[in-house]
Amino acid sequence: MAKVEGPLFSKNVEGSIGGMLTFRNTKGTHTIRKKNIPPVYQTPAALKVKGTFREAIDHWNELTDQEKEWWNRKAGEHGGYMWGRCKFMSKEFKRLFIED
């Protein structure tokens, strides 16, 4: 919710109106930004990627707790920190995408 003190831009306006406009005051400069609505891509290639990703997520959700723990250990073997889910998704996505 936008909070207005006095006439618009005469004092201070910050916040959003209807989720479409955002008012900001940064270092004394008043700005209004329109909500950015990203495009939804429905091309065959985009739908294939989305479907493959959804299928990989379903496969992760079907794993047992022991299998998920194995992936967590496997992901940690490479130094740094990576979640087992990310490691699994990377391998599974590639497998499914190439398989198709």
C-alpha atoms as a PDB file:
ATOM      1  CA  MET A   1       0.000   0.000   0.000  1.00  0.00           C
ATOM      2  CA  ALA A   2       1.394   3.407  -0.929  1.00  0.00           C
ATOM      3  CA  LYS A   3       1.687   5.972   1.856  1.00  0.00           C
ATOM      4  CA  VAL A   4       1.169   9.541   0.724  1.00  0.00           C
ATOM      5  CA  GLU A   5       2.002  12.556   2.878  1.00  0.00           C
ATOM      6  CA  GLY A   6       0.684  15.728   1.290  1.00  0.00           C
ATOM      7  CA  PRO A   7       0.224  16.245  -2.461  1.00  0.00           C
ATOM      8  CA  LEU A   8       1.880  13.653  -4.657  1.00  0.00           C
ATOM      9  CA  PHE A   9       5.685  14.150  -4.762  1.00  0.00           C
ATOM     10  CA  SER A  10       5.551  17.220  -2.533  1.00  0.00           C
ATOM     11  CA  LYS A  11       6.685  15.277   0.548  1.00  0.00           C
ATOM     12  CA  ASN A  12       7.058  11.526   0.528  1.00  0.00           C
ATOM     13  CA  VAL A  13       5.489   8.650  -1.391  1.00  0.00           C
ATOM     14  CA  GLU A  14       6.657   5.059  -0.998  1.00  0.00           C
ATOM     15  CA  GLY A  15       4.994   1.737  -1.720  1.00  0.00           C
ATOM     16  CA  SER A  16       2.762   0.170  -4.344  1.00  0.00           C
ATOM     17  CA  ILE A  17      -0.692   0.907  -5.688  1.00  0.00           C
ATOM     18  CA  GLY A  18      -2.709  -2.050  -6.897  1.00  0.00           C
ATOM     19  CA  GLY A  19       0.434  -4.076  -7.430  1.00  0.00           C
ATOM     20  CA  MET A  20       0.969  -2.198 -10.697  1.00  0.00           C
ATOM     21  CA  LEU A  21       2.862   0.978  -9.736  1.00  0.00           C
ATOM     22  CA  THR A  22       5.687   1.226  -7.223  1.00  0.00           C
ATOM     23  CA  PHE A  23       6.727   4.574  -5.756  1.00  0.00           C
ATOM     24  CA  ARG A  24      10.269   4.979  -4.384  1.00  0.00           C
ATOM     25  CA  ASN A  25      12.326   7.738  -2.854  1.00  0.00           C
ATOM     26  CA  THR A  26      16.027   7.010  -3.256  1.00  0.00           C
ATOM     27  CA  LYS A  27      18.506   9.654  -2.121  1.00  0.00           C
ATOM     28  CA  GLY A  28      15.871  12.365  -2.509  1.00  0.00           C
ATOM     29  CA  THR A  29      14.861  11.282  -6.018  1.00  0.00           C
ATOM     30  CA  HIS A  30      11.247  10.230  -6.485  1.00  0.00           C
ATOM     31  CA  THR A  31      10.574   7.493  -9.016  1.00  0.00           C
ATOM     32  CA  ILE A  32       7.567   5.516 -10.209  1.00  0.00           C
ATOM     33  CA  ARG A  33       8.040   2.102 -11.770  1.00  0.00           C
ATOM     34  CA  LYS A  34       5.495   0.061 -13.643  1.00  0.00           C
ATOM     35  CA  LYS A  35       5.282  -3.600 -12.660  1.00  0.00           C
ATOM     36  CA  ASN A  36       7.285  -5.694 -15.096  1.00  0.00           C
ATOM     37  CA  ILE A  37       5.210  -8.606 -16.356  1.00  0.00           C
ATOM     38  CA  PRO A  38       7.544 -11.088 -18.058  1.00  0.00           C
ATOM     39  CA  PRO A  39       6.303 -12.732 -21.234  1.00  0.00           C
ATOM     40  CA  VAL A  40       5.087 -16.331 -21.107  1.00  0.00           C
ATOM     41  CA  TYR A  41       6.801 -18.344 -23.783  1.00  0.00           C
ATOM     42  CA  GLN A  42       4.652 -21.064 -25.355  1.00  0.00           C
ATOM     43  CA  THR A  43       7.014 -22.122 -28.138  1.00  0.00           C
ATOM     44  CA  PRO A  44       7.483 -25.864 -28.683  1.00  0.00           C
ATOM     45  CA  ALA A  45      11.056 -25.648 -27.370  1.00  0.00           C
ATOM     46  CA  ALA A  46       9.996 -23.784 -24.210  1.00  0.00           C
ATOM     47  CA  LEU A  47       7.184 -26.265 -23.567  1.00  0.00           C
ATOM     48  CA  LYS A  48       9.634 -29.162 -23.964  1.00  0.00           C
ATOM     49  CA  VAL A  49      12.014 -27.643 -21.409  1.00  0.00           C
ATOM     50  CA  LYS A  50       9.185 -26.930 -18.955  1.00  0.00           C
ATOM     51  CA  GLY A  51       7.787 -30.441 -19.339  1.00  0.00           C
ATOM     52  CA  THR A  52      11.209 -32.046 -18.904  1.00  0.00           C
ATOM     53  CA  PHE A  53      11.895 -29.980 -15.799  1.00  0.00           C
ATOM     54  CA  ARG A  54       8.484 -30.897 -14.359  1.00  0.00           C
ATOM     55  CA  GLU A  55       9.202 -34.600 -15.005  1.00  0.00           C
ATOM     56  CA  ALA A  56      12.611 -34.352 -13.290  1.00  0.00           C
ATOM     57  CA  ILE A  57      10.951 -32.731 -10.247  1.00  0.00           C
ATOM     58  CA  ASP A  58       8.414 -35.569 -10.132  1.00  0.00           C
ATOM     59  CA  HIS A  59      11.264 -38.103 -10.197  1.00  0.00           C
ATOM     60  CA  TRP A  60      12.987 -36.323  -7.281  1.00  0.00           C
ATOM     61  CA  ASN A  61       9.762 -36.346  -5.274  1.00  0.00           C
ATOM     62  CA  GLU A  62       9.430 -40.104  -5.843  1.00  0.00           C
ATOM     63  CA  LEU A  63      12.838 -40.832  -4.259  1.00  0.00           C
ATOM     64  CA  THR A  64      13.014 -42.325  -0.783  1.00  0.00           C
ATOM     65  CA  ASP A  65      14.680 -40.410   2.059  1.00  0.00           C
ATOM     66  CA  GLN A  66      17.689 -42.764   1.807  1.00  0.00           C
ATOM     67  CA  GLU A  67      18.065 -42.032  -1.910  1.00  0.00           C
ATOM     68  CA  LYS A  68      17.821 -38.293  -1.296  1.00  0.00           C
ATOM     69  CA  GLU A  69      20.479 -38.551   1.425  1.00  0.00           C
ATOM     70  CA  TRP A  70      22.731 -40.407  -1.042  1.00  0.00           C
ATOM     71  CA  TRP A  71      22.352 -37.524  -3.501  1.00  0.00           C
ATOM     72  CA  ASN A  72      23.172 -35.028  -0.732  1.00  0.00           C
ATOM     73  CA  ARG A  73      26.408 -36.900   0.045  1.00  0.00           C
ATOM     74  CA  LYS A  74      27.235 -37.196  -3.662  1.00  0.00           C
ATOM     75  CA  ALA A  75      26.736 -33.458  -4.165  1.00  0.00           C
ATOM     76  CA  GLY A  76      29.039 -32.634  -1.230  1.00  0.00           C
ATOM     77  CA  GLU A  77      31.914 -34.685  -2.687  1.00  0.00           C
ATOM     78  CA  HIS A  78      32.825 -31.983  -5.191  1.00  0.00           C
ATOM     79  CA  GLY A  79      33.888 -29.399  -2.631  1.00  0.00           C
ATOM     80  CA  GLY A  80      31.916 -26.289  -1.996  1.00  0.00           C
ATOM     81  CA  TYR A  81      28.301 -26.748  -1.113  1.00  0.00           C
ATOM     82  CA  MET A  82      25.594 -28.085  -3.357  1.00  0.00           C
ATOM     83  CA  TRP A  83      22.214 -29.561  -2.501  1.00  0.00           C
ATOM     84  CA  GLY A  84      21.608 -33.142  -3.527  1.00  0.00           C
ATOM     85  CA  ARG A  85      18.396 -32.038  -5.205  1.00  0.00           C
ATOM     86  CA  CYS A  86      20.367 -29.711  -7.495  1.00  0.00           C
ATOM     87  CA  LYS A  87      22.841 -32.461  -8.372  1.00  0.00           C
ATOM     88  CA  PHE A  88      19.992 -34.896  -9.070  1.00  0.00           C
ATOM     89  CA  MET A  89      18.061 -32.351 -11.152  1.00  0.00           C
ATOM     90  CA  SER A  90      21.138 -31.599 -13.252  1.00  0.00           C
ATOM     91  CA  LYS A  91      21.740 -35.264 -14.053  1.00  0.00           C
ATOM     92  CA  GLU A  92      18.061 -36.149 -14.467  1.00  0.00           C
ATOM     93  CA  PHE A  93      17.280 -33.146 -16.668  1.00  0.00           C
ATOM     94  CA  LYS A  94      20.162 -33.992 -18.998  1.00  0.00           C
ATOM     95  CA  ARG A  95      19.111 -37.655 -19.108  1.00  0.00           C
ATOM     96  CA  LEU A  96      15.469 -36.837 -19.850  1.00  0.00           C
ATOM     97  CA  PHE A  97      16.259 -34.081 -22.339  1.00  0.00           C
ATOM     98  CA  ILE A  98      18.668 -36.228 -24.358  1.00  0.00           C
ATOM     99  CA  GLU A  99      16.352 -39.251 -24.106  1.00  0.00           C
ATOM    100  CA  ASP A 100      13.483 -37.345 -25.726  1.00  0.00           C
END
